């Protein structure tokens, strides 16, 4: 079954318990909202410690920047 929530008069939404439990989300956790067409993607912001080593081995030369894009 799909979980449903209602936007309050204060523009707040309570995330259903079934979703919180499945995603292992906790109180105080930060999220980012990514606009997607007529909707929005809700993603938890990763903890800094979990990002350690994510770019290990990445080349610092010959990288593309915004000027290289179409």
N, C-alpha and C. Protein backbone atom coordinates (compact mmCIF):
# COMPACT_ATOMS: atom_id res chain seq x y z
N UNK A 1 0.83 -1.18 0.00
CA UNK A 1 0.00 0.00 0.00
C UNK A 1 0.89 1.25 0.00
N UNK A 2 0.45 2.28 -0.69
CA UNK A 2 1.19 3.53 -0.77
C UNK A 2 0.93 4.36 0.47
N UNK A 3 1.98 4.91 1.05
CA UNK A 3 1.85 5.79 2.22
C UNK A 3 1.45 7.18 1.74
N UNK A 4 0.54 7.81 2.46
CA UNK A 4 0.03 9.13 2.10
C UNK A 4 0.21 10.08 3.28
N UNK A 5 0.56 11.34 2.99
CA UNK A 5 0.69 12.37 4.03
C UNK A 5 0.00 13.63 3.52
N UNK A 6 -0.41 14.50 4.44
CA UNK A 6 -1.11 15.74 4.10
C UNK A 6 -0.26 16.94 4.51
N UNK A 7 -0.19 17.93 3.65
CA UNK A 7 0.53 19.16 3.94
C UNK A 7 -0.29 20.00 4.92
N UNK A 8 0.32 20.39 6.04
CA UNK A 8 -0.40 21.15 7.07
C UNK A 8 -0.47 22.64 6.70
N UNK A 9 -1.22 23.39 7.48
CA UNK A 9 -1.34 24.84 7.27
C UNK A 9 0.00 25.54 7.45
N UNK A 10 0.92 24.91 8.19
CA UNK A 10 2.27 25.46 8.39
C UNK A 10 3.26 24.92 7.36
N UNK A 11 2.74 24.28 6.31
CA UNK A 11 3.55 23.71 5.24
C UNK A 11 4.50 22.63 5.75
N UNK A 12 4.03 21.80 6.65
CA UNK A 12 4.79 20.68 7.18
C UNK A 12 4.14 19.38 6.77
N UNK A 13 4.97 18.35 6.57
CA UNK A 13 4.49 17.01 6.24
C UNK A 13 5.13 16.04 7.21
N UNK A 14 4.33 15.17 7.78
CA UNK A 14 4.85 14.09 8.62
C UNK A 14 5.10 12.88 7.74
N UNK A 15 6.30 12.37 7.78
CA UNK A 15 6.63 11.19 6.98
C UNK A 15 6.04 9.97 7.69
N UNK A 16 5.26 9.17 6.98
CA UNK A 16 4.63 8.01 7.62
C UNK A 16 5.66 7.08 8.25
N UNK A 17 5.29 6.48 9.38
CA UNK A 17 6.19 5.61 10.14
C UNK A 17 6.71 4.45 9.29
N UNK A 18 5.87 3.90 8.44
CA UNK A 18 6.31 2.78 7.60
C UNK A 18 7.47 3.18 6.69
N UNK A 19 7.42 4.41 6.18
CA UNK A 19 8.50 4.91 5.32
C UNK A 19 9.75 5.18 6.14
N UNK A 20 9.58 5.84 7.30
CA UNK A 20 10.74 6.13 8.18
C UNK A 20 11.45 4.85 8.59
N UNK A 21 10.68 3.85 8.96
CA UNK A 21 11.27 2.58 9.38
C UNK A 21 11.99 1.89 8.24
N UNK A 22 11.36 1.86 7.07
CA UNK A 22 11.96 1.19 5.91
C UNK A 22 13.26 1.86 5.49
N UNK A 23 13.30 3.20 5.53
CA UNK A 23 14.48 3.96 5.12
C UNK A 23 15.48 4.19 6.25
N UNK A 24 15.10 3.82 7.46
CA UNK A 24 15.93 4.01 8.66
C UNK A 24 16.26 5.48 8.88
N UNK A 25 15.27 6.34 8.67
CA UNK A 25 15.42 7.78 8.90
C UNK A 25 15.16 8.07 10.35
N UNK A 26 15.90 9.03 10.92
CA UNK A 26 15.80 9.39 12.34
C UNK A 26 15.50 10.88 12.50
N UNK A 27 14.96 11.24 13.64
CA UNK A 27 14.67 12.64 13.96
C UNK A 27 15.98 13.43 13.94
N UNK A 28 15.95 14.63 13.38
CA UNK A 28 17.12 15.49 13.31
C UNK A 28 17.96 15.29 12.07
N UNK A 29 17.66 14.28 11.28
CA UNK A 29 18.40 14.01 10.05
C UNK A 29 18.08 15.09 9.03
N UNK A 30 19.07 15.51 8.23
CA UNK A 30 18.87 16.54 7.23
C UNK A 30 18.53 15.91 5.88
N UNK A 31 17.71 16.62 5.10
CA UNK A 31 17.29 16.15 3.78
C UNK A 31 17.45 17.27 2.77
N UNK A 32 17.58 16.87 1.52
CA UNK A 32 17.63 17.82 0.42
C UNK A 32 16.42 17.54 -0.48
N UNK A 33 15.83 18.61 -1.01
CA UNK A 33 14.69 18.50 -1.91
C UNK A 33 15.16 18.80 -3.32
N UNK A 34 14.97 17.86 -4.25
CA UNK A 34 15.40 18.02 -5.64
C UNK A 34 14.15 18.11 -6.52
N UNK A 35 13.89 19.26 -7.14
CA UNK A 35 12.72 19.38 -8.01
C UNK A 35 12.81 18.41 -9.19
N UNK A 36 11.73 17.69 -9.46
CA UNK A 36 11.66 16.74 -10.58
C UNK A 36 10.31 16.92 -11.27
N UNK A 37 10.27 17.69 -12.34
CA UNK A 37 9.01 17.92 -13.06
C UNK A 37 7.99 18.57 -12.14
N UNK A 38 6.85 17.91 -11.95
CA UNK A 38 5.80 18.44 -11.08
C UNK A 38 5.91 17.89 -9.67
N UNK A 39 6.96 17.16 -9.39
CA UNK A 39 7.15 16.57 -8.06
C UNK A 39 8.48 16.98 -7.47
N UNK A 40 8.87 16.26 -6.44
CA UNK A 40 10.14 16.54 -5.77
C UNK A 40 10.72 15.22 -5.25
N UNK A 41 12.04 15.10 -5.32
CA UNK A 41 12.76 13.94 -4.82
C UNK A 41 13.33 14.32 -3.47
N UNK A 42 13.05 13.53 -2.46
CA UNK A 42 13.53 13.77 -1.10
C UNK A 42 14.69 12.82 -0.83
N UNK A 43 15.86 13.38 -0.54
CA UNK A 43 17.05 12.56 -0.32
C UNK A 43 17.71 12.96 0.99
N UNK A 44 18.13 11.98 1.81
CA UNK A 44 18.86 12.32 3.02
C UNK A 44 20.26 12.83 2.67
N UNK A 45 20.72 13.84 3.40
CA UNK A 45 22.07 14.35 3.23
C UNK A 45 23.01 13.38 3.92
N UNK A 46 24.02 12.85 3.19
CA UNK A 46 24.91 11.88 3.82
C UNK A 46 25.76 12.51 4.91
N UNK A 47 26.09 11.72 5.92
CA UNK A 47 26.98 12.19 6.98
C UNK A 47 28.38 12.35 6.40
N UNK A 48 29.10 13.35 6.87
CA UNK A 48 30.43 13.66 6.34
C UNK A 48 31.36 12.45 6.42
N UNK A 49 31.31 11.73 7.51
CA UNK A 49 32.17 10.56 7.69
C UNK A 49 31.95 9.47 6.65
N UNK A 50 30.73 9.38 6.12
CA UNK A 50 30.42 8.35 5.13
C UNK A 50 30.96 8.71 3.75
N UNK A 51 31.40 9.96 3.56
CA UNK A 51 31.92 10.40 2.27
C UNK A 51 33.44 10.24 2.16
N UNK A 52 34.07 9.91 3.27
CA UNK A 52 35.53 9.78 3.28
C UNK A 52 35.97 8.72 2.27
N UNK A 53 36.90 9.09 1.40
CA UNK A 53 37.46 8.17 0.43
C UNK A 53 36.62 7.98 -0.82
N UNK A 54 35.53 8.71 -0.97
CA UNK A 54 34.64 8.51 -2.11
C UNK A 54 35.32 8.87 -3.43
N UNK A 55 36.27 9.80 -3.41
CA UNK A 55 36.94 10.22 -4.64
C UNK A 55 38.36 9.68 -4.72
N UNK A 56 38.67 8.69 -3.92
CA UNK A 56 40.02 8.11 -3.93
C UNK A 56 40.36 7.62 -5.34
N UNK A 57 41.51 8.01 -5.85
CA UNK A 57 41.95 7.58 -7.17
C UNK A 57 41.46 8.48 -8.29
N UNK A 58 40.69 9.51 -7.97
CA UNK A 58 40.20 10.42 -9.02
C UNK A 58 41.36 11.24 -9.56
N UNK A 59 41.33 11.49 -10.86
CA UNK A 59 42.39 12.28 -11.49
C UNK A 59 42.12 13.76 -11.26
N UNK A 60 43.14 14.52 -10.89
CA UNK A 60 42.98 15.96 -10.68
C UNK A 60 43.32 16.75 -11.94
N UNK A 61 43.90 16.10 -12.93
CA UNK A 61 44.21 16.76 -14.20
C UNK A 61 43.25 16.27 -15.27
N UNK A 62 43.11 17.06 -16.31
CA UNK A 62 42.25 16.71 -17.45
C UNK A 62 40.79 16.53 -17.05
N UNK A 63 40.36 17.24 -16.03
CA UNK A 63 38.94 17.17 -15.65
C UNK A 63 38.14 18.18 -16.46
N UNK A 64 36.87 17.90 -16.61
CA UNK A 64 35.97 18.81 -17.31
C UNK A 64 35.39 19.80 -16.31
N UNK A 65 35.17 21.01 -16.78
CA UNK A 65 34.48 21.98 -15.94
C UNK A 65 33.29 22.54 -16.72
N UNK A 66 32.63 23.51 -16.17
CA UNK A 66 31.42 24.04 -16.79
C UNK A 66 31.67 24.61 -18.19
N UNK A 67 32.86 25.12 -18.45
CA UNK A 67 33.17 25.69 -19.76
C UNK A 67 33.21 24.61 -20.84
N UNK A 68 33.41 23.34 -20.46
CA UNK A 68 33.50 22.24 -21.43
C UNK A 68 32.13 21.72 -21.84
N UNK A 69 31.09 22.15 -21.14
CA UNK A 69 29.75 21.61 -21.42
C UNK A 69 29.08 22.35 -22.56
N UNK A 70 28.11 21.73 -23.14
CA UNK A 70 27.39 22.32 -24.26
C UNK A 70 26.42 23.34 -23.80
